[in-house]
Amino acid sequence: MKHFNEQNKRLDFNKIIKKFIDGGIEAIESENPMDRLRIKLLLPLSFEDFILNPETGKFDVYGNVNLKGKKLAEIPFQLGKVTGYFYCSENRLTSLKGAPEYVGNYFDCMDNPKLKSLKGIGKVADQIYSDFFEGPLDSYKGEL
């Protein structure tokens, strides 16, 4: 990503938001339409702080992630660690590909009618909420 700040390994979120507000999505330096979609989804999430982990190529989020009700068929970016909760409820997900490798609080994927498995989910420190399972991950009997 061209907006990655190598010096402190953090995206300068305020500059990206200002650039987006001033010039729209075209002002964000990406030719790839999927990258623009990902950036559009990242901007309103109000992450407290996040980095693009250079070792994994995934976003590590220090706080919560809320993708609730975005009409997503898939999680549009790869997440490593999320220290807070992870909401991906009320979407059209068919899998949890791209879900965080670690969630420090609870994981909510309720109201995704086509989601039938927790395959792809990482370690969750608290409860998992889905249409077919509710509880801690170590009590889930399905395929991971």
N, C-alpha and C. Protein backbone atom coordinates (compact mmCIF):
# COMPACT_ATOMS: atom_id res chain seq x y z
N MET A 1 0.84 -1.18 0.00
CA MET A 1 0.00 0.00 0.00
C MET A 1 0.89 1.24 0.00
N LYS A 2 0.56 2.19 -0.78
CA LYS A 2 1.35 3.39 -0.89
C LYS A 2 1.18 4.30 0.32
N HIS A 3 0.19 4.05 1.16
CA HIS A 3 -0.05 4.90 2.32
C HIS A 3 0.63 4.35 3.57
N PHE A 4 1.43 3.34 3.43
CA PHE A 4 2.09 2.73 4.56
C PHE A 4 3.27 3.60 4.97
N ASN A 5 3.33 3.98 6.20
CA ASN A 5 4.40 4.82 6.72
C ASN A 5 5.50 3.91 7.25
N GLU A 6 6.60 3.78 6.49
CA GLU A 6 7.67 2.86 6.85
C GLU A 6 8.32 3.25 8.19
N GLN A 7 8.39 4.54 8.49
CA GLN A 7 9.11 4.97 9.68
C GLN A 7 8.51 4.39 10.95
N ASN A 8 7.21 4.48 11.13
CA ASN A 8 6.63 3.97 12.36
C ASN A 8 5.70 2.78 12.13
N LYS A 9 5.68 2.29 10.89
CA LYS A 9 4.90 1.12 10.51
C LYS A 9 3.42 1.25 10.83
N ARG A 10 2.90 2.47 10.78
CA ARG A 10 1.48 2.71 11.02
C ARG A 10 0.92 3.51 9.87
N LEU A 11 -0.29 3.19 9.49
CA LEU A 11 -0.96 4.00 8.49
C LEU A 11 -1.40 5.30 9.13
N ASP A 12 -1.14 6.42 8.48
CA ASP A 12 -1.59 7.69 9.00
C ASP A 12 -3.04 7.87 8.59
N PHE A 13 -3.92 7.41 9.44
CA PHE A 13 -5.34 7.33 9.14
C PHE A 13 -5.95 8.70 8.86
N ASN A 14 -5.56 9.71 9.62
CA ASN A 14 -6.12 11.05 9.42
C ASN A 14 -5.78 11.60 8.04
N LYS A 15 -4.56 11.39 7.57
CA LYS A 15 -4.18 11.87 6.24
C LYS A 15 -4.97 11.14 5.15
N ILE A 16 -5.17 9.83 5.31
CA ILE A 16 -5.93 9.08 4.32
C ILE A 16 -7.37 9.57 4.29
N ILE A 17 -7.97 9.77 5.47
CA ILE A 17 -9.35 10.26 5.53
C ILE A 17 -9.45 11.64 4.91
N LYS A 18 -8.50 12.53 5.22
CA LYS A 18 -8.53 13.88 4.65
C LYS A 18 -8.40 13.81 3.13
N LYS A 19 -7.50 13.02 2.64
CA LYS A 19 -7.31 12.87 1.20
C LYS A 19 -8.58 12.34 0.55
N PHE A 20 -9.21 11.37 1.20
CA PHE A 20 -10.45 10.79 0.69
C PHE A 20 -11.57 11.83 0.68
N ILE A 21 -11.71 12.58 1.79
CA ILE A 21 -12.76 13.61 1.88
C ILE A 21 -12.53 14.71 0.84
N ASP A 22 -11.27 15.14 0.69
CA ASP A 22 -10.96 16.23 -0.24
C ASP A 22 -11.12 15.82 -1.71
N GLY A 23 -10.71 14.60 -2.04
CA GLY A 23 -10.68 14.23 -3.45
C GLY A 23 -11.44 12.98 -3.83
N GLY A 24 -12.12 12.38 -2.88
CA GLY A 24 -12.86 11.16 -3.19
C GLY A 24 -11.93 9.97 -3.30
N ILE A 25 -12.49 8.85 -3.63
CA ILE A 25 -11.72 7.60 -3.69
C ILE A 25 -10.64 7.68 -4.76
N GLU A 26 -10.85 8.49 -5.81
CA GLU A 26 -9.86 8.61 -6.87
C GLU A 26 -8.57 9.25 -6.35
N ALA A 27 -8.67 10.03 -5.28
CA ALA A 27 -7.49 10.69 -4.72
C ALA A 27 -6.59 9.72 -3.97
N ILE A 28 -7.11 8.54 -3.67
CA ILE A 28 -6.30 7.54 -2.98
C ILE A 28 -5.54 6.77 -4.06
N GLU A 29 -4.24 6.70 -3.89
CA GLU A 29 -3.32 6.25 -4.95
C GLU A 29 -3.37 4.74 -5.19
N SER A 30 -4.45 4.25 -5.70
CA SER A 30 -4.54 2.83 -6.02
C SER A 30 -5.23 2.65 -7.36
N GLU A 31 -4.64 1.87 -8.22
CA GLU A 31 -5.22 1.59 -9.52
C GLU A 31 -6.20 0.42 -9.45
N ASN A 32 -6.02 -0.43 -8.47
CA ASN A 32 -6.77 -1.67 -8.36
C ASN A 32 -8.15 -1.41 -7.74
N PRO A 33 -9.24 -1.74 -8.44
CA PRO A 33 -10.58 -1.50 -7.89
C PRO A 33 -10.84 -2.24 -6.58
N MET A 34 -10.28 -3.44 -6.42
CA MET A 34 -10.47 -4.18 -5.17
C MET A 34 -9.76 -3.47 -4.02
N ASP A 35 -8.58 -2.89 -4.30
CA ASP A 35 -7.88 -2.12 -3.26
C ASP A 35 -8.71 -0.90 -2.86
N ARG A 36 -9.32 -0.24 -3.83
CA ARG A 36 -10.15 0.92 -3.52
C ARG A 36 -11.34 0.51 -2.65
N LEU A 37 -11.95 -0.64 -2.97
CA LEU A 37 -13.06 -1.15 -2.16
C LEU A 37 -12.59 -1.42 -0.74
N ARG A 38 -11.44 -2.05 -0.62
CA ARG A 38 -10.90 -2.35 0.70
C ARG A 38 -10.65 -1.07 1.49
N ILE A 39 -10.10 -0.07 0.83
CA ILE A 39 -9.83 1.21 1.51
C ILE A 39 -11.15 1.86 1.92
N LYS A 40 -12.15 1.81 1.04
CA LYS A 40 -13.46 2.40 1.37
C LYS A 40 -14.06 1.70 2.58
N LEU A 41 -13.85 0.40 2.70
CA LEU A 41 -14.37 -0.34 3.85
C LEU A 41 -13.55 -0.03 5.11
N LEU A 42 -12.25 0.17 4.96
CA LEU A 42 -11.41 0.47 6.11
C LEU A 42 -11.70 1.85 6.69
N LEU A 43 -11.94 2.83 5.83
CA LEU A 43 -12.07 4.21 6.29
C LEU A 43 -13.14 4.42 7.36
N PRO A 44 -14.36 3.91 7.19
CA PRO A 44 -15.37 4.20 8.21
C PRO A 44 -15.33 3.31 9.44
N LEU A 45 -14.38 2.41 9.53
CA LEU A 45 -14.39 1.46 10.63
C LEU A 45 -13.93 2.05 11.95
N SER A 46 -13.30 3.18 11.90
CA SER A 46 -12.83 3.85 13.12
C SER A 46 -11.96 2.93 13.96
N PHE A 47 -11.03 2.25 13.32
CA PHE A 47 -10.06 1.48 14.09
C PHE A 47 -9.34 2.45 14.99
N GLU A 48 -9.10 2.04 16.21
CA GLU A 48 -8.33 2.89 17.10
C GLU A 48 -6.91 3.04 16.57
N ASP A 49 -6.35 1.98 16.08
CA ASP A 49 -5.01 2.01 15.52
C ASP A 49 -4.79 0.68 14.80
N PHE A 50 -4.03 0.71 13.73
CA PHE A 50 -3.72 -0.53 13.05
C PHE A 50 -2.42 -0.39 12.28
N ILE A 51 -1.79 -1.52 12.02
CA ILE A 51 -0.58 -1.54 11.21
C ILE A 51 -0.74 -2.60 10.14
N LEU A 52 0.00 -2.46 9.09
CA LEU A 52 0.15 -3.51 8.11
C LEU A 52 1.40 -4.26 8.51
N ASN A 53 1.24 -5.47 9.00
CA ASN A 53 2.35 -6.25 9.52
C ASN A 53 3.22 -6.69 8.34
N PRO A 54 4.47 -6.21 8.27
CA PRO A 54 5.32 -6.53 7.13
C PRO A 54 5.70 -8.01 7.06
N GLU A 55 5.65 -8.71 8.19
CA GLU A 55 5.99 -10.13 8.20
C GLU A 55 4.88 -11.00 7.64
N THR A 56 3.62 -10.60 7.91
CA THR A 56 2.48 -11.44 7.47
C THR A 56 1.73 -10.85 6.28
N GLY A 57 1.88 -9.53 6.05
CA GLY A 57 1.12 -8.87 4.99
C GLY A 57 -0.34 -8.68 5.37
N LYS A 58 -0.66 -8.85 6.65
CA LYS A 58 -2.03 -8.72 7.14
C LYS A 58 -2.14 -7.51 8.05
N PHE A 59 -3.37 -7.00 8.19
CA PHE A 59 -3.62 -5.89 9.10
C PHE A 59 -3.75 -6.41 10.53
N ASP A 60 -3.01 -5.80 11.44
CA ASP A 60 -3.17 -6.03 12.87
C ASP A 60 -3.89 -4.81 13.41
N VAL A 61 -5.01 -5.03 14.08
CA VAL A 61 -5.85 -3.93 14.56
C VAL A 61 -5.79 -3.87 16.08
N TYR A 62 -5.51 -2.68 16.59
CA TYR A 62 -5.45 -2.47 18.03
C TYR A 62 -6.75 -1.78 18.43
N GLY A 63 -7.74 -2.59 18.69
CA GLY A 63 -9.09 -2.13 18.97
C GLY A 63 -10.08 -3.08 18.33
N ASN A 64 -11.23 -2.56 17.94
CA ASN A 64 -12.34 -3.36 17.42
C ASN A 64 -12.46 -3.23 15.91
N VAL A 65 -13.08 -4.23 15.28
CA VAL A 65 -13.40 -4.19 13.85
C VAL A 65 -14.90 -4.42 13.72
N ASN A 66 -15.57 -3.52 13.01
CA ASN A 66 -17.01 -3.63 12.83
C ASN A 66 -17.35 -3.64 11.35
N LEU A 67 -17.65 -4.82 10.80
CA LEU A 67 -18.08 -4.98 9.41
C LEU A 67 -19.57 -5.30 9.34
N LYS A 68 -20.29 -5.02 10.40
CA LYS A 68 -21.70 -5.37 10.51
C LYS A 68 -22.54 -4.67 9.42
N GLY A 69 -23.37 -5.47 8.73
CA GLY A 69 -24.35 -4.93 7.79
C GLY A 69 -23.78 -4.27 6.56
N LYS A 70 -22.61 -4.68 6.09
CA LYS A 70 -21.98 -4.07 4.91
C LYS A 70 -22.31 -4.82 3.62
N LYS A 71 -23.18 -5.82 3.70
CA LYS A 71 -23.58 -6.63 2.53
C LYS A 71 -22.41 -7.35 1.88
N LEU A 72 -21.49 -7.82 2.69
CA LEU A 72 -20.28 -8.47 2.20
C LEU A 72 -20.52 -9.94 1.91
N ALA A 73 -20.00 -10.41 0.78
CA ALA A 73 -20.01 -11.83 0.47
C ALA A 73 -18.73 -12.49 0.98
N GLU A 74 -17.70 -11.68 1.24
CA GLU A 74 -16.45 -12.18 1.80
C GLU A 74 -15.81 -11.07 2.64
N ILE A 75 -14.92 -11.47 3.51
CA ILE A 75 -14.16 -10.49 4.28
C ILE A 75 -13.13 -9.92 3.31
N PRO A 76 -13.16 -8.61 3.06
CA PRO A 76 -12.43 -8.04 1.92
C PRO A 76 -10.94 -7.79 2.13
N PHE A 77 -10.38 -8.16 3.26
CA PHE A 77 -8.96 -8.00 3.49
C PHE A 77 -8.52 -9.04 4.50
N GLN A 78 -7.23 -9.27 4.56
CA GLN A 78 -6.67 -10.27 5.46
C GLN A 78 -6.33 -9.60 6.79
N LEU A 79 -6.84 -10.17 7.87
CA LEU A 79 -6.57 -9.64 9.20
C LEU A 79 -5.72 -10.62 9.99
N GLY A 80 -4.76 -10.07 10.69
CA GLY A 80 -3.93 -10.89 11.57
C GLY A 80 -4.51 -10.89 12.96
N LYS A 81 -4.12 -9.91 13.75
CA LYS A 81 -4.55 -9.82 15.15
C LYS A 81 -5.53 -8.66 15.30
N VAL A 82 -6.63 -8.91 16.02
CA VAL A 82 -7.58 -7.88 16.42
C VAL A 82 -7.64 -7.96 17.94
N THR A 83 -7.25 -6.89 18.63
CA THR A 83 -7.19 -6.96 20.09
C THR A 83 -8.55 -6.84 20.75
N GLY A 84 -9.53 -6.25 20.07
CA GLY A 84 -10.87 -6.08 20.62
C GLY A 84 -11.82 -7.13 20.05
N TYR A 85 -13.06 -6.70 19.78
CA TYR A 85 -14.05 -7.61 19.21
C TYR A 85 -14.01 -7.55 17.69
N PHE A 86 -14.61 -8.55 17.04
CA PHE A 86 -14.72 -8.61 15.59
C PHE A 86 -16.17 -8.88 15.23
N TYR A 87 -16.82 -7.90 14.61
CA TYR A 87 -18.20 -8.05 14.12
C TYR A 87 -18.18 -8.24 12.61
N CYS A 88 -18.79 -9.29 12.14
CA CYS A 88 -19.03 -9.44 10.70
C CYS A 88 -20.46 -9.95 10.50
N SER A 89 -21.34 -9.58 11.42
CA SER A 89 -22.73 -10.04 11.39
C SER A 89 -23.54 -9.27 10.34
N GLU A 90 -24.70 -9.84 10.01
CA GLU A 90 -25.66 -9.24 9.07
C GLU A 90 -25.04 -8.94 7.71
N ASN A 91 -24.36 -9.94 7.17
CA ASN A 91 -23.78 -9.85 5.84
C ASN A 91 -24.25 -11.03 5.00
N ARG A 92 -23.53 -11.31 3.94
CA ARG A 92 -23.84 -12.43 3.05
C ARG A 92 -22.65 -13.38 2.96
N LEU A 93 -21.91 -13.49 4.05
CA LEU A 93 -20.70 -14.31 4.04
C LEU A 93 -21.03 -15.78 3.80
N THR A 94 -20.16 -16.42 3.00
CA THR A 94 -20.27 -17.86 2.78
C THR A 94 -19.12 -18.60 3.45
N SER A 95 -18.07 -17.85 3.82
CA SER A 95 -16.93 -18.43 4.54
C SER A 95 -16.30 -17.35 5.41
N LEU A 96 -15.39 -17.79 6.24
CA LEU A 96 -14.67 -16.85 7.11
C LEU A 96 -13.23 -16.64 6.64
N LYS A 97 -12.99 -16.89 5.36
CA LYS A 97 -11.67 -16.63 4.78
C LYS A 97 -11.35 -15.14 4.97
N GLY A 98 -10.17 -14.86 5.50
CA GLY A 98 -9.77 -13.49 5.79
C GLY A 98 -10.05 -13.07 7.21
N ALA A 99 -10.76 -13.91 7.96
CA ALA A 99 -11.05 -13.60 9.37
C ALA A 99 -9.75 -13.49 10.14
N PRO A 100 -9.77 -12.75 11.23
CA PRO A 100 -8.54 -12.58 12.02
C PRO A 100 -7.97 -13.90 12.51
N GLU A 101 -6.64 -13.95 12.58
CA GLU A 101 -5.97 -15.12 13.15
C GLU A 101 -6.15 -15.14 14.66
N TYR A 102 -6.37 -13.96 15.24
CA TYR A 102 -6.57 -13.85 16.69
C TYR A 102 -7.55 -12.72 16.97
N VAL A 103 -8.53 -12.97 17.84
CA VAL A 103 -9.47 -11.95 18.30
C VAL A 103 -9.39 -11.92 19.82
N GLY A 104 -9.10 -10.75 20.38
CA GLY A 104 -8.90 -10.61 21.81
C GLY A 104 -10.17 -10.55 22.63
N ASN A 105 -11.32 -10.37 21.99
CA ASN A 105 -12.59 -10.30 22.69
C ASN A 105 -13.51 -11.30 22.00
N TYR A 106 -14.74 -10.92 21.69
CA TYR A 106 -15.66 -11.87 21.06
C TYR A 106 -15.72 -11.69 19.55
N PHE A 107 -16.21 -12.75 18.89
CA PHE A 107 -16.32 -12.83 17.43
C PHE A 107 -17.79 -13.02 17.11
N ASP A 108 -18.40 -12.09 16.38
CA ASP A 108 -19.83 -12.15 16.07
C ASP A 108 -20.03 -12.25 14.56
N CYS A 109 -20.54 -13.40 14.12
CA CYS A 109 -20.85 -13.60 12.70
C CYS A 109 -22.31 -14.05 12.54
N MET A 110 -23.19 -13.55 13.41
CA MET A 110 -24.62 -13.86 13.34
C MET A 110 -25.23 -13.31 12.05
N ASP A 111 -26.36 -13.86 11.66
CA ASP A 111 -27.15 -13.37 10.53
C ASP A 111 -26.38 -13.35 9.22
N ASN A 112 -25.67 -14.43 8.95
CA ASN A 112 -25.05 -14.71 7.66
C ASN A 112 -25.62 -16.06 7.23
N PRO A 113 -26.81 -16.06 6.59
CA PRO A 113 -27.53 -17.31 6.33
C PRO A 113 -26.76 -18.37 5.55
N LYS A 114 -25.81 -17.96 4.73
CA LYS A 114 -25.06 -18.93 3.92
C LYS A 114 -23.81 -19.45 4.63
N LEU A 115 -23.50 -18.91 5.78
CA LEU A 115 -22.34 -19.34 6.54
C LEU A 115 -22.73 -20.57 7.36
N LYS A 116 -22.06 -21.69 7.09
CA LYS A 116 -22.42 -22.96 7.73
C LYS A 116 -21.30 -23.56 8.55
N SER A 117 -20.15 -22.90 8.61
CA SER A 117 -18.99 -23.45 9.31
C SER A 117 -18.13 -22.33 9.86
N LEU A 118 -17.35 -22.63 10.86
CA LEU A 118 -16.38 -21.69 11.41
C LEU A 118 -14.99 -21.91 10.80
N LYS A 119 -14.93 -22.68 9.72
CA LYS A 119 -13.65 -22.92 9.05
C LYS A 119 -13.05 -21.59 8.64
N GLY A 120 -11.79 -21.37 9.02
CA GLY A 120 -11.11 -20.12 8.71
C GLY A 120 -10.98 -19.20 9.90
N ILE A 121 -11.71 -19.52 10.98
CA ILE A 121 -11.63 -18.68 12.17
C ILE A 121 -10.32 -18.97 12.89
N GLY A 122 -9.76 -17.94 13.49
CA GLY A 122 -8.54 -18.11 14.27
C GLY A 122 -8.86 -18.29 15.74
N LYS A 123 -7.89 -17.97 16.58
CA LYS A 123 -8.08 -18.08 18.03
C LYS A 123 -8.95 -16.92 18.50
N VAL A 124 -9.96 -17.24 19.31
CA VAL A 124 -10.86 -16.22 19.87
C VAL A 124 -10.79 -16.33 21.38
N ALA A 125 -10.42 -15.22 22.03
CA ALA A 125 -10.22 -15.23 23.48
C ALA A 125 -11.54 -15.33 24.25
N ASP A 126 -12.63 -14.84 23.68
CA ASP A 126 -13.91 -14.81 24.37
C ASP A 126 -14.90 -15.70 23.62
N GLN A 127 -16.14 -15.31 23.57
CA GLN A 127 -17.21 -16.09 22.96
C GLN A 127 -17.29 -15.90 21.44
N ILE A 128 -17.88 -16.88 20.79
CA ILE A 128 -18.21 -16.82 19.37
C ILE A 128 -19.73 -16.84 19.27
N TYR A 129 -20.26 -15.98 18.42
CA TYR A 129 -21.70 -15.93 18.19
C TYR A 129 -21.95 -16.14 16.70
N SER A 130 -22.70 -17.19 16.37
CA SER A 130 -23.09 -17.45 14.99
C SER A 130 -24.50 -18.04 15.01
N ASP A 131 -25.06 -18.24 13.84
CA ASP A 131 -26.40 -18.80 13.75
C ASP A 131 -26.43 -20.27 14.16
N PHE A 132 -25.29 -20.95 14.10
CA PHE A 132 -25.25 -22.39 14.37
C PHE A 132 -24.39 -22.76 15.57
N PHE A 133 -23.74 -21.80 16.20
CA PHE A 133 -22.90 -22.08 17.36
C PHE A 133 -22.75 -20.83 18.20
N GLU A 134 -22.78 -21.04 19.54
CA GLU A 134 -22.52 -19.95 20.47
C GLU A 134 -21.74 -20.52 21.64
N GLY A 135 -20.59 -19.93 21.92
CA GLY A 135 -19.77 -20.38 23.04
C GLY A 135 -18.30 -20.19 22.76
N PRO A 136 -17.46 -20.73 23.63
CA PRO A 136 -16.01 -20.62 23.40
C PRO A 136 -15.57 -21.56 22.27
N LEU A 137 -14.52 -21.15 21.57
CA LEU A 137 -14.06 -21.92 20.40
C LEU A 137 -13.66 -23.35 20.76
N ASP A 138 -13.09 -23.56 21.93
CA ASP A 138 -12.66 -24.91 22.29
C ASP A 138 -13.83 -25.89 22.49
N SER A 139 -15.06 -25.39 22.56
CA SER A 139 -16.21 -26.30 22.66
C SER A 139 -16.89 -26.52 21.30
N TYR A 140 -16.39 -25.90 20.22
CA TYR A 140 -16.94 -26.09 18.88
C TYR A 140 -16.51 -27.45 18.34
N LYS A 141 -17.47 -28.21 17.83
CA LYS A 141 -17.19 -29.58 17.37
C LYS A 141 -17.06 -29.69 15.85
N GLY A 142 -17.30 -28.61 15.12
CA GLY A 142 -17.26 -28.64 13.67
C GLY A 142 -15.84 -28.48 13.13
N GLU A 143 -15.77 -28.42 11.81
CA GLU A 143 -14.48 -28.29 11.11
C GLU A 143 -13.93 -26.87 11.27
N LEU A 144 -12.66 -26.78 11.57
CA LEU A 144 -11.97 -25.50 11.63
C LEU A 144 -10.98 -25.47 10.53
